[in-house]
Amino acid sequence: MAAVQVLAGTQSSERTKKLDALLHEHWGHALLLTPTGQLARRRLETLLRDSDAPGVWGRPVMTLQSFAEAILKEGGADAVRLNEVERRLMVHEVLAQLSASGKLDDAGPAAGSNGFVHHLLRVIEALKQAAVEPEDFRERISARQHPSPLDAVVAEAYQAYQDRLIECRAYDMIGVYWQARRILEEKQDVKLLEDVKLIAFDGFDDFTESEFQLIAALAQRIPRLAFALRLDARPEAADLYALQRRTLERLETAFEASIERQDAPSPATLCEYASTYLLWRGGAPAFENLERNLEVVPCAGVTEEAETIFRTVKTLILENVPASEIAVVYHDIGAVAGVLRP
C-alpha cells in the first residue's frame, strides 16, 4: 500500500509550493495528474520555469483521464472511445432490440423518443461514475421497497448497453476508468508506471467512485501518492469547503493518509481580503495597511453597471494597458447579454 499524503490549504497557502517541492524531489520518477488539460499545461510550464529541474521525456503532467486512457492503450486494448453521437446511436440500437423482444413494454411509447434516450444516457453515466455494475444495479432495484416499473427497463437497457460495448470493443468516457482499473489489478507489468515513485493529484475537489477506485488500484502499485487539496480548515469556512472536507475524510479513511495543513498568510491586498472574507461566517478582522487594489462601485442596475465597466476599460486602454490584460467577469453573462451586445 502506498504512503498517502494530503497537503490541504487555500490558494494563497504554501500548498502548491509544497507539492512542487515534492515533485522536484522525485523528478523523472513522478507524475502529476490534473482534472483539465488547461491546468496540466499550466502546471507543467510552472514546474519547468520556476526551478532548475532538467527536462524529462514523456508526459510528467497530464489529466487523470489521459492517464487512464494511456493505461488502457498500453494494456493492449484495441478498443475505441465512443463520442456522444456514437453513444446515442448505440442506445437507439439497444432499445430497438429490447423493444422487439417486448422488454420495453412497461415504458410504453416513450421508449422510442429522443427524450427517453437522453435521460437513459444520463442515468447510465451516473451509474458508471458511481461504479455501479449492471449486475449490482439489478440487485439494488430488486431490494427496493417501492419499485418502479421503469426499474426493470433501465436495468435491461444498461445491461444491453454494456454488452454491446464489449461486443464492439468500445468504451465510453466513464468506462475508461473501469478498464484502466482492471488492467492495474490484473496486469503485472505496466510500462507507464515503470520507475514511477510518486503520483500527485492537483486541482481536484472530489473524485467520482470510478475515479476513486482507479486511485485505489494505483495505491497498490505506487510507493507514494500525494494530493493537493484546496481547503480552509477554519470553522468559519466549514460550509464553503464542505465538499473538500468530505474528500479529505475519504482519503484519510481509505488510505490512512497523513494530513499536512497549510495555513493561509494574512491578506496583503484588498482583493485577497475580499476573497477570504466576502462569504465568511463570523466577524472579519479589521484591515489596515493593505494594498488598495480593489474598488467597489454601487450601481442602480445592469445598464449603469455595464456603462461603468465600459468607461473603466476605455480608461485603461487610453493608459496603454493592453486589451489582452483586461478581463471582465460576470456571475451570469446571460442576464446581461442584452446590455453588453452592441
Protein backbone atom coordinates (compact mmCIF):
# COMPACT_ATOMS: atom_id res chain seq x y z
CA MET A 1 0.00 0.00 0.00
CA ALA A 2 1.28 3.45 -0.93
CA ALA A 3 2.16 6.09 1.61
CA VAL A 4 -0.50 8.75 1.03
CA GLN A 5 -0.02 12.40 1.89
CA VAL A 6 -2.58 15.21 1.66
CA LEU A 7 -1.48 18.85 1.53
CA ALA A 8 -4.56 20.86 2.49
CA GLY A 9 -4.68 24.64 2.27
CA THR A 10 -6.16 27.62 0.49
CA GLN A 11 -4.95 29.00 -2.84
CA SER A 12 -2.72 31.55 -1.10
CA SER A 13 -1.12 28.98 1.21
CA GLU A 14 2.08 27.01 0.66
CA ARG A 15 0.06 24.03 -0.59
CA THR A 16 1.14 24.17 -4.25
CA LYS A 17 4.71 25.14 -3.36
CA LYS A 18 4.99 22.10 -1.08
CA LEU A 19 3.60 19.81 -3.78
CA ASP A 20 6.03 21.20 -6.36
CA ALA A 21 8.94 20.60 -3.99
CA LEU A 22 7.78 17.00 -3.63
CA LEU A 23 7.58 16.61 -7.42
CA HIS A 24 11.06 18.09 -7.89
CA GLU A 25 12.40 15.71 -5.26
CA HIS A 26 11.13 12.79 -7.37
CA TRP A 27 11.67 14.48 -10.75
CA GLY A 28 11.95 11.91 -13.52
CA HIS A 29 10.10 9.38 -11.37
CA ALA A 30 6.92 11.37 -10.70
CA LEU A 31 3.60 12.02 -12.42
CA LEU A 32 1.23 14.90 -11.74
CA LEU A 33 -2.43 14.35 -12.63
CA THR A 34 -4.99 17.15 -13.01
CA PRO A 35 -8.71 17.36 -13.87
CA THR A 36 -8.29 19.51 -17.01
CA GLY A 37 -5.84 19.84 -19.89
CA GLN A 38 -5.51 23.58 -19.35
CA LEU A 39 -4.37 23.07 -15.76
CA ALA A 40 -1.99 20.31 -16.86
CA ARG A 41 -0.28 22.64 -19.36
CA ARG A 42 -0.04 25.47 -16.84
CA ARG A 43 1.36 23.25 -14.09
CA LEU A 44 4.00 21.73 -16.39
CA GLU A 45 5.08 25.20 -17.50
CA THR A 46 5.36 26.31 -13.87
CA LEU A 47 7.32 23.23 -12.82
CA LEU A 48 9.88 23.72 -15.58
CA ARG A 49 10.09 27.52 -15.43
CA ASP A 50 10.32 28.09 -11.69
CA SER A 51 13.04 25.53 -10.96
CA ASP A 52 16.32 24.18 -12.22
CA ALA A 53 14.75 20.79 -12.90
CA PRO A 54 16.10 19.16 -16.07
CA GLY A 55 13.88 18.31 -18.99
CA VAL A 56 12.10 14.98 -18.90
CA TRP A 57 10.89 12.55 -21.53
CA GLY A 58 7.24 11.64 -21.85
CA ARG A 59 4.35 13.42 -20.15
CA PRO A 60 5.08 14.05 -16.47
CA VAL A 61 1.89 16.13 -16.19
CA MET A 62 -1.43 15.03 -17.70
CA THR A 63 -5.11 14.80 -16.94
CA LEU A 64 -6.44 11.85 -14.97
CA GLN A 65 -8.49 10.83 -17.99
CA SER A 66 -5.45 10.94 -20.33
CA PHE A 67 -3.55 8.86 -17.79
CA ALA A 68 -6.33 6.26 -17.68
CA GLU A 69 -6.50 6.18 -21.49
CA ALA A 70 -2.72 5.70 -21.68
CA ILE A 71 -3.01 2.69 -19.36
CA LEU A 72 -5.84 1.34 -21.48
CA LYS A 73 -3.82 1.70 -24.67
CA GLU A 74 -0.75 0.11 -23.14
CA GLY A 75 -2.82 -2.73 -21.76
CA GLY A 76 -3.32 -3.98 -25.29
CA ALA A 77 -6.92 -2.88 -25.53
CA ASP A 78 -7.62 -2.05 -29.13
CA ALA A 79 -11.00 -0.64 -28.13
CA VAL A 80 -12.12 2.74 -29.39
CA ARG A 81 -13.72 5.51 -27.38
CA LEU A 82 -17.24 6.49 -28.40
CA ASN A 83 -18.25 10.11 -28.67
CA GLU A 84 -21.66 11.44 -27.64
CA VAL A 85 -23.28 10.82 -31.04
CA GLU A 86 -21.99 7.24 -31.22
CA ARG A 87 -23.22 6.54 -27.69
CA ARG A 88 -26.67 7.87 -28.58
CA LEU A 89 -26.82 5.71 -31.71
CA MET A 90 -25.80 2.68 -29.70
CA VAL A 91 -28.57 3.32 -27.18
CA HIS A 92 -31.11 3.66 -30.01
CA GLU A 93 -29.91 0.32 -31.37
CA VAL A 94 -30.11 -1.34 -27.97
CA LEU A 95 -33.62 0.00 -27.34
CA ALA A 96 -34.81 -1.22 -30.75
CA GLN A 97 -33.60 -4.74 -29.93
CA LEU A 98 -35.19 -4.69 -26.47
CA SER A 99 -38.44 -3.33 -27.87
CA ALA A 100 -38.62 -6.13 -30.44
CA SER A 101 -38.32 -8.68 -27.63
CA GLY A 102 -41.02 -6.97 -25.53
CA LYS A 103 -38.68 -5.90 -22.73
CA LEU A 104 -39.64 -2.23 -23.03
CA ASP A 105 -43.39 -2.69 -22.79
CA ASP A 106 -43.53 -1.07 -19.34
CA ALA A 107 -42.07 2.14 -20.77
CA GLY A 108 -44.84 2.49 -23.34
CA PRO A 109 -44.49 4.68 -26.45
CA ALA A 110 -41.94 6.93 -24.70
CA ALA A 111 -39.28 4.23 -25.05
CA GLY A 112 -38.55 5.26 -28.61
CA SER A 113 -38.38 9.01 -28.02
CA ASN A 114 -35.23 11.12 -28.08
CA GLY A 115 -36.05 12.37 -24.59
CA PHE A 116 -36.03 8.83 -23.23
CA VAL A 117 -32.67 8.16 -24.87
CA HIS A 118 -31.23 11.37 -23.44
CA HIS A 119 -32.34 10.58 -19.88
CA LEU A 120 -31.23 6.98 -20.17
CA LEU A 121 -27.74 8.09 -21.19
CA ARG A 122 -27.58 10.41 -18.19
CA VAL A 123 -28.71 7.60 -15.85
CA ILE A 124 -26.12 5.21 -17.29
CA GLU A 125 -23.44 7.88 -16.95
CA ALA A 126 -24.37 8.46 -13.29
CA LEU A 127 -24.34 4.72 -12.57
CA LYS A 128 -20.92 4.28 -14.16
CA GLN A 129 -19.50 7.29 -12.34
CA ALA A 130 -20.66 5.65 -9.13
CA ALA A 131 -19.00 2.39 -10.27
CA VAL A 132 -22.32 0.52 -10.17
CA GLU A 133 -22.13 -2.51 -12.49
CA PRO A 134 -25.30 -3.71 -14.29
CA GLU A 135 -25.49 -6.76 -12.00
CA ASP A 136 -25.17 -4.53 -8.92
CA PHE A 137 -27.93 -2.27 -10.23
CA ARG A 138 -30.28 -5.23 -10.71
CA GLU A 139 -29.56 -6.40 -7.19
CA ARG A 140 -30.25 -2.98 -5.72
CA ILE A 141 -33.55 -2.38 -7.50
CA SER A 142 -34.74 -5.86 -6.54
CA ALA A 143 -34.30 -4.84 -2.90
CA ARG A 144 -36.37 -1.65 -3.23
CA GLN A 145 -39.48 -1.50 -1.07
CA HIS A 146 -41.38 0.53 -3.65
CA PRO A 147 -40.08 -0.48 -7.09
CA SER A 148 -40.99 1.38 -10.26
CA PRO A 149 -41.98 -0.36 -13.50
CA LEU A 150 -39.19 1.56 -15.18
CA ASP A 151 -36.54 -0.01 -12.91
CA ALA A 152 -36.54 -3.21 -14.96
CA VAL A 153 -36.49 -1.23 -18.20
CA VAL A 154 -33.40 0.74 -17.13
CA ALA A 155 -31.71 -2.43 -15.87
CA GLU A 156 -32.31 -4.19 -19.19
CA ALA A 157 -31.09 -1.21 -21.19
CA TYR A 158 -27.99 -0.74 -19.01
CA GLN A 159 -27.04 -4.41 -19.29
CA ALA A 160 -27.62 -4.44 -23.05
CA TYR A 161 -25.62 -1.23 -23.47
CA GLN A 162 -22.65 -2.67 -21.58
CA ASP A 163 -22.84 -5.94 -23.50
CA ARG A 164 -22.91 -4.01 -26.76
CA LEU A 165 -19.82 -2.02 -25.75
CA ILE A 166 -17.91 -5.23 -25.03
CA GLU A 167 -19.11 -6.82 -28.25
CA CYS A 168 -17.94 -3.81 -30.29
CA ARG A 169 -14.68 -3.47 -28.33
CA ALA A 170 -15.59 0.10 -27.45
CA TYR A 171 -15.82 2.19 -24.31
CA ASP A 172 -17.39 5.47 -23.27
CA MET A 173 -15.74 8.31 -21.36
CA ILE A 174 -16.64 6.90 -17.94
CA GLY A 175 -15.74 3.35 -18.93
CA VAL A 176 -12.09 4.26 -19.42
CA TYR A 177 -11.62 4.38 -15.63
CA TRP A 178 -13.17 0.92 -15.22
CA GLN A 179 -10.94 -0.63 -17.86
CA ALA A 180 -7.81 1.10 -16.58
CA ARG A 181 -8.51 -0.11 -13.04
CA ARG A 182 -8.94 -3.69 -14.24
CA ILE A 183 -5.64 -3.55 -16.12
CA LEU A 184 -3.88 -2.28 -12.98
CA GLU A 185 -5.44 -5.07 -10.93
CA GLU A 186 -4.76 -7.87 -13.44
CA LYS A 187 -1.62 -6.91 -15.38
CA GLN A 188 1.73 -7.26 -13.67
CA ASP A 189 3.80 -5.04 -15.98
CA VAL A 190 2.53 -1.58 -16.88
CA LYS A 191 5.27 0.28 -18.71
CA LEU A 192 3.76 3.68 -17.94
CA LEU A 193 4.36 3.05 -14.24
CA GLU A 194 7.91 1.73 -14.54
CA ASP A 195 10.22 3.60 -12.14
CA VAL A 196 7.35 5.85 -11.00
CA LYS A 197 7.84 6.55 -7.31
CA LEU A 198 5.25 9.28 -6.85
CA ILE A 199 1.87 10.14 -8.37
CA ALA A 200 0.45 13.51 -7.31
CA PHE A 201 -3.04 14.95 -7.79
CA ASP A 202 -3.70 18.68 -8.03
CA GLY A 203 -6.83 20.70 -8.80
CA PHE A 204 -9.39 18.12 -7.67
CA ASP A 205 -12.14 18.95 -5.18
CA ASP A 206 -13.55 15.43 -5.21
CA PHE A 207 -13.49 12.18 -7.19
CA THR A 208 -16.23 10.06 -8.70
CA GLU A 209 -16.45 6.49 -7.44
CA SER A 210 -14.90 5.12 -10.65
CA GLU A 211 -12.01 7.61 -10.39
CA PHE A 212 -11.52 6.77 -6.73
CA GLN A 213 -11.36 3.05 -7.45
CA LEU A 214 -8.68 3.71 -10.07
CA ILE A 215 -6.71 5.66 -7.45
CA ALA A 216 -7.14 2.79 -5.00
CA ALA A 217 -5.66 0.42 -7.61
CA LEU A 218 -2.72 2.80 -8.06
CA ALA A 219 -2.15 2.79 -4.31
CA GLN A 220 -1.42 -0.94 -4.57
CA ARG A 221 1.37 -0.36 -7.11
CA ILE A 222 2.98 3.02 -6.44
CA PRO A 223 5.13 3.73 -3.35
CA ARG A 224 3.73 7.19 -2.76
CA LEU A 225 0.61 9.24 -3.58
CA ALA A 226 0.17 12.93 -2.82
CA PHE A 227 -2.91 15.15 -3.03
CA ALA A 228 -3.01 18.95 -3.01
CA LEU A 229 -6.49 19.82 -1.75
CA ARG A 230 -7.98 23.31 -1.72
CA LEU A 231 -9.31 23.62 1.83
CA ASP A 232 -9.66 26.18 4.59
CA ALA A 233 -9.81 24.28 7.87
CA ARG A 234 -11.11 27.17 9.96
CA PRO A 235 -14.63 26.60 11.37
CA GLU A 236 -15.91 29.84 9.82
CA ALA A 237 -15.29 28.35 6.35
CA ALA A 238 -16.81 24.93 7.04
CA ASP A 239 -19.79 25.27 4.70
CA LEU A 240 -17.72 26.86 1.92
CA TYR A 241 -15.41 23.85 1.80
CA ALA A 242 -17.87 21.08 2.68
CA LEU A 243 -17.12 19.10 -0.50
CA GLN A 244 -13.36 19.23 0.04
CA ARG A 245 -13.80 18.25 3.69
CA ARG A 246 -15.65 15.10 2.62
CA THR A 247 -12.88 14.31 0.14
CA LEU A 248 -10.26 14.76 2.86
CA GLU A 249 -12.15 12.44 5.20
CA ARG A 250 -12.47 9.83 2.46
CA LEU A 251 -8.75 9.90 1.66
CA GLU A 252 -7.89 9.70 5.34
CA THR A 253 -10.22 6.74 5.89
CA ALA A 254 -9.37 4.78 2.74
CA PHE A 255 -5.60 5.18 2.81
CA GLU A 256 -4.80 6.24 6.38
CA ALA A 257 -3.40 9.35 4.74
CA SER A 258 -1.20 11.77 6.62
CA ILE A 259 -2.66 15.28 6.59
CA GLU A 260 -0.47 18.38 6.40
CA ARG A 261 -2.49 21.55 6.77
CA GLN A 262 -1.12 24.71 5.20
CA ASP A 263 -2.21 27.94 6.85
CA ALA A 264 -3.00 30.87 4.60
CA PRO A 265 -0.94 34.04 5.13
CA SER A 266 -2.68 37.20 6.24
CA PRO A 267 -4.09 39.19 3.30
CA ALA A 268 -1.71 41.79 1.87
CA THR A 269 -4.17 43.39 -0.56
CA LEU A 270 -7.83 44.34 -0.53
CA CYS A 271 -8.53 41.72 -3.23
CA GLU A 272 -7.05 39.00 -1.02
CA TYR A 273 -9.03 40.30 1.94
CA ALA A 274 -12.30 40.25 -0.04
CA SER A 275 -11.70 36.78 -1.49
CA THR A 276 -11.06 35.46 2.01
CA TYR A 277 -13.80 37.16 3.98
CA LEU A 278 -16.57 38.03 1.49
CA LEU A 279 -18.53 34.85 2.31
CA TRP A 280 -17.05 34.45 5.78
CA ARG A 281 -19.22 33.04 8.54
CA GLY A 282 -18.36 35.23 11.51
CA GLY A 283 -16.74 38.58 12.10
CA ALA A 284 -13.99 39.52 9.68
CA PRO A 285 -10.90 41.14 11.20
CA ALA A 286 -10.28 44.83 10.68
CA PHE A 287 -7.92 45.62 7.82
CA GLU A 288 -5.09 48.10 7.86
CA ASN A 289 -2.09 48.82 5.64
CA LEU A 290 -3.43 46.70 2.78
CA GLU A 291 -2.64 47.44 -0.85
CA ARG A 292 -5.66 49.25 -2.28
CA ASN A 293 -6.15 47.19 -5.45
CA LEU A 294 -9.94 46.84 -5.19
CA GLU A 295 -12.70 49.35 -5.89
CA VAL A 296 -16.36 48.66 -5.16
CA VAL A 297 -18.82 50.83 -7.13
CA PRO A 298 -22.57 50.70 -6.34
CA CYS A 299 -24.76 50.74 -9.46
CA ALA A 300 -28.52 51.25 -9.80
CA GLY A 301 -28.96 48.50 -12.37
CA VAL A 302 -27.44 46.37 -15.11
CA THR A 303 -27.21 49.28 -17.57
CA GLU A 304 -25.33 51.57 -15.18
CA GLU A 305 -23.08 48.67 -14.19
CA ALA A 306 -22.19 47.99 -17.83
CA GLU A 307 -21.57 51.69 -18.53
CA THR A 308 -19.26 51.91 -15.52
CA ILE A 309 -17.30 48.91 -16.71
CA PHE A 310 -17.08 50.26 -20.28
CA ARG A 311 -15.71 53.59 -19.03
CA THR A 312 -13.16 51.83 -16.85
CA VAL A 313 -11.98 49.62 -19.71
CA LYS A 314 -11.70 52.62 -22.04
CA THR A 315 -9.66 54.50 -19.45
CA LEU A 316 -7.29 51.55 -19.05
CA ILE A 317 -6.80 51.30 -22.83
CA LEU A 318 -6.08 55.04 -23.04
CA GLU A 319 -3.47 54.47 -20.33
CA ASN A 320 -1.80 51.96 -22.69
CA VAL A 321 -2.92 48.84 -20.83
CA PRO A 322 -3.12 46.05 -23.47
CA ALA A 323 -6.65 44.80 -24.05
CA SER A 324 -5.36 41.24 -23.59
CA GLU A 325 -4.59 42.10 -19.96
CA ILE A 326 -8.12 43.30 -19.19
CA ALA A 327 -10.78 40.82 -18.09
CA VAL A 328 -14.45 41.47 -17.37
CA VAL A 329 -16.15 38.78 -15.31
CA TYR A 330 -19.90 38.40 -14.73
CA HIS A 331 -21.54 35.89 -12.42
CA ASP A 332 -24.23 35.23 -15.05
CA ILE A 333 -23.36 36.51 -18.52
CA GLY A 334 -26.79 35.53 -19.82
CA ALA A 335 -28.52 38.01 -17.52
CA VAL A 336 -26.61 40.94 -19.02
CA ALA A 337 -26.13 39.75 -22.60
CA GLY A 338 -28.77 42.12 -23.95
CA VAL A 339 -26.99 45.16 -22.50
CA LEU A 340 -23.50 44.05 -23.46
CA ARG A 341 -24.37 43.08 -27.03
CA PRO A 342 -23.80 46.02 -29.44
